[in-house]
Amino acid sequence: MPLIALLFLAVPIIELLVIVSAAQAIGTPQTLVLLLVVSIIGAWLVKVEGLGVWRRFSTTLARGEMPHREIVDGVLILAAGAFMLTPGFVTDAVGLLFLAPPSRAVIRAMVLKRVTPGVGVNAPYGFAGGAAGPTAGSAGGVWDTTGWESDPDRPGPDDPPGPRGLDR
């Protein structure tokens, strides 16, 4: 939380310093035109890249696969759009980094490496075969389409006592 508060204070100050420096170097009208042009180009790039990610997302879902990469790309493009909407050269540069496919691939790899280490077939809160919930072997049974199935090797509460019933 302190980092976010610091960013809310630091980013506008940095942006103002950069805009004033640019205005002193190239002139105020040219700086305003440059900010406007960068915002228009950024909005167009957000649209183009967003549509491309949407097509890849739809194709991946149609193949029956989980679109991990496309979801992260979509979030990065959404963040890029937010950065591009914020007036200033620094936030526009960060937005362009999120939009450019080569730098987005590096950022995506870092995000996926950090977010998905525990997601797998037997992850406690992950996905198993596309269905959320307990996975095979997690609590002595599995979920199927109709409900919980007990593990056949484990006696249930309604099973008659027998050699295995003694250790219950």
Protein backbone atom coordinates (compact mmCIF):
# COMPACT_ATOMS: atom_id res chain seq x y z
CA MET A 1 0.00 0.00 0.00
CA PRO A 2 2.77 2.53 0.72
CA LEU A 3 4.23 1.80 -2.73
CA ILE A 4 0.93 2.67 -4.40
CA ALA A 5 0.67 5.91 -2.41
CA LEU A 6 4.23 6.77 -3.40
CA LEU A 7 3.43 6.09 -7.06
CA PHE A 8 0.32 8.30 -6.92
CA LEU A 9 2.51 11.11 -5.65
CA ALA A 10 5.67 10.50 -7.68
CA VAL A 11 4.24 9.76 -11.13
CA PRO A 12 2.41 13.10 -11.60
CA ILE A 13 5.44 15.03 -10.36
CA ILE A 14 7.76 13.14 -12.72
CA GLU A 15 5.31 13.63 -15.60
CA LEU A 16 5.11 17.37 -14.95
CA LEU A 17 8.90 17.67 -14.82
CA VAL A 18 9.27 15.80 -18.12
CA ILE A 19 6.50 17.81 -19.83
CA VAL A 20 7.97 21.13 -18.65
CA SER A 21 11.45 20.04 -19.78
CA ALA A 22 10.08 19.05 -23.19
CA ALA A 23 8.19 22.35 -23.47
CA GLN A 24 11.39 24.27 -22.69
CA ALA A 25 13.37 22.24 -25.22
CA ILE A 26 10.96 22.17 -28.18
CA GLY A 27 8.26 24.68 -27.25
CA THR A 28 4.89 24.47 -25.57
CA PRO A 29 2.71 24.08 -28.71
CA GLN A 30 4.96 21.34 -30.08
CA THR A 31 4.92 19.53 -26.73
CA LEU A 32 1.12 19.59 -26.62
CA VAL A 33 0.90 18.35 -30.22
CA LEU A 34 3.40 15.59 -29.44
CA LEU A 35 1.37 14.50 -26.40
CA LEU A 36 -1.79 14.44 -28.52
CA VAL A 37 -0.15 12.49 -31.37
CA VAL A 38 1.35 9.93 -28.99
CA SER A 39 -2.06 9.45 -27.34
CA ILE A 40 -3.81 8.96 -30.70
CA ILE A 41 -1.18 6.51 -31.92
CA GLY A 42 -1.32 4.70 -28.56
CA ALA A 43 -5.11 4.39 -28.71
CA TRP A 44 -4.88 2.96 -32.23
CA LEU A 45 -2.17 0.48 -31.15
CA VAL A 46 -4.25 -0.59 -28.14
CA LYS A 47 -7.17 -1.30 -30.48
CA VAL A 48 -5.05 -3.23 -33.00
CA GLU A 49 -3.19 -5.30 -30.40
CA GLY A 50 -6.39 -5.89 -28.40
CA LEU A 51 -8.22 -7.25 -31.44
CA GLY A 52 -5.28 -9.53 -32.22
CA VAL A 53 -5.25 -10.90 -28.68
CA TRP A 54 -9.03 -11.37 -28.80
CA ARG A 55 -8.70 -13.46 -31.99
CA ARG A 56 -5.95 -15.61 -30.42
CA PHE A 57 -8.06 -15.96 -27.26
CA SER A 58 -11.08 -17.16 -29.27
CA THR A 59 -8.96 -19.56 -31.32
CA THR A 60 -7.35 -21.04 -28.22
CA LEU A 61 -10.73 -21.55 -26.56
CA ALA A 62 -12.11 -23.13 -29.75
CA ARG A 63 -9.26 -25.66 -29.59
CA GLY A 64 -10.35 -26.50 -26.03
CA GLU A 65 -7.18 -25.13 -24.44
CA MET A 66 -6.82 -22.74 -21.52
CA PRO A 67 -5.74 -19.34 -22.93
CA HIS A 68 -3.16 -18.44 -20.24
CA ARG A 69 -0.95 -16.43 -22.56
CA GLU A 70 -3.84 -14.58 -24.16
CA ILE A 71 -5.34 -13.63 -20.78
CA VAL A 72 -2.06 -12.13 -19.61
CA ASP A 73 -1.67 -10.33 -22.96
CA GLY A 74 -5.17 -8.93 -22.59
CA VAL A 75 -4.45 -7.64 -19.10
CA LEU A 76 -1.17 -6.09 -20.28
CA ILE A 77 -2.93 -4.39 -23.19
CA LEU A 78 -5.62 -3.11 -20.84
CA ALA A 79 -2.91 -1.70 -18.58
CA ALA A 80 -1.21 -0.19 -21.63
CA GLY A 81 -4.47 1.55 -22.51
CA ALA A 82 -4.68 2.99 -19.01
CA PHE A 83 -1.09 4.22 -19.24
CA MET A 84 -1.75 5.72 -22.68
CA LEU A 85 -4.83 7.57 -21.37
CA THR A 86 -2.76 9.16 -18.61
CA PRO A 87 -1.27 12.34 -20.04
CA GLY A 88 2.50 12.40 -20.05
CA PHE A 89 5.55 11.01 -21.76
CA VAL A 90 6.67 8.60 -19.02
CA THR A 91 3.33 6.80 -18.75
CA ASP A 92 3.09 6.72 -22.56
CA ALA A 93 6.52 5.08 -22.71
CA VAL A 94 5.43 2.43 -20.17
CA GLY A 95 2.20 1.91 -22.14
CA LEU A 96 4.17 1.45 -25.36
CA LEU A 97 6.38 -1.12 -23.61
CA PHE A 98 3.24 -3.07 -22.67
CA LEU A 99 1.96 -2.80 -26.25
CA ALA A 100 5.08 -3.78 -28.19
CA PRO A 101 4.98 -7.56 -28.75
CA PRO A 102 8.69 -8.20 -27.96
CA SER A 103 8.65 -6.35 -24.62
CA ARG A 104 5.17 -7.69 -23.83
CA ALA A 105 6.51 -11.23 -24.32
CA VAL A 106 9.21 -10.58 -21.71
CA ILE A 107 6.69 -9.06 -19.26
CA ARG A 108 4.24 -11.93 -19.93
CA ALA A 109 6.93 -14.52 -19.20
CA MET A 110 7.71 -12.83 -15.88
CA VAL A 111 4.01 -12.66 -14.97
CA LEU A 112 3.31 -16.29 -15.92
CA LYS A 113 6.39 -17.46 -14.04
CA ARG A 114 5.22 -15.66 -10.93
CA VAL A 115 1.48 -16.41 -11.16
CA THR A 116 1.29 -20.05 -12.29
CA PRO A 117 3.80 -22.09 -10.27
CA GLY A 118 1.08 -23.88 -8.25
CA VAL A 119 -1.51 -24.34 -10.99
CA GLY A 120 -1.54 -27.89 -12.20
CA VAL A 121 -3.39 -31.17 -12.13
CA ASN A 122 -3.23 -31.67 -8.37
CA ALA A 123 -2.92 -28.06 -7.27
CA PRO A 124 -5.15 -27.41 -4.25
CA TYR A 125 -6.72 -24.31 -5.76
CA GLY A 126 -5.83 -24.81 -9.40
CA PHE A 127 -7.66 -26.37 -12.27
CA ALA A 128 -7.74 -30.08 -12.90
CA GLY A 129 -8.81 -31.05 -16.35
CA GLY A 130 -10.75 -27.84 -16.71
CA ALA A 131 -12.91 -28.34 -13.61
CA ALA A 132 -12.37 -26.42 -10.41
CA GLY A 133 -12.52 -28.19 -7.11
CA PRO A 134 -10.84 -31.14 -5.47
CA THR A 135 -8.64 -33.18 -7.73
CA ALA A 136 -8.10 -36.89 -7.89
CA GLY A 137 -6.58 -38.11 -4.67
CA SER A 138 -7.03 -34.83 -2.81
CA ALA A 139 -9.67 -36.05 -0.36
CA GLY A 140 -10.18 -39.72 -1.15
CA GLY A 141 -12.36 -39.26 -4.21
CA VAL A 142 -13.07 -37.25 -7.31
CA TRP A 143 -15.75 -34.96 -8.66
CA ASP A 144 -17.56 -36.24 -11.71
CA THR A 145 -20.48 -34.72 -13.59
CA THR A 146 -23.04 -35.85 -11.02
CA GLY A 147 -21.18 -35.30 -7.75
CA TRP A 148 -18.60 -36.78 -5.44
CA GLU A 149 -17.42 -40.34 -5.94
CA SER A 150 -15.68 -42.07 -3.07
CA ASP A 151 -12.39 -43.79 -3.51
CA PRO A 152 -13.17 -47.52 -3.92
CA ASP A 153 -10.18 -48.47 -1.76
CA ARG A 154 -11.47 -46.43 1.18
CA PRO A 155 -14.45 -47.70 3.16
CA GLY A 156 -17.34 -45.29 3.40
CA PRO A 157 -19.63 -44.70 6.40
CA ASP A 158 -22.30 -47.07 5.00
CA ASP A 159 -19.91 -49.95 4.19
CA PRO A 160 -20.24 -53.12 6.31
CA PRO A 161 -17.48 -53.71 8.80
CA GLY A 162 -14.77 -56.00 7.64
CA PRO A 163 -11.06 -56.34 7.79
CA ARG A 164 -10.73 -52.74 6.56
CA GLY A 165 -13.59 -51.55 8.78
CA LEU A 166 -11.61 -52.19 11.96
CA ASP A 167 -9.19 -49.36 11.36
CA ARG A 168 -11.92 -46.73 10.99
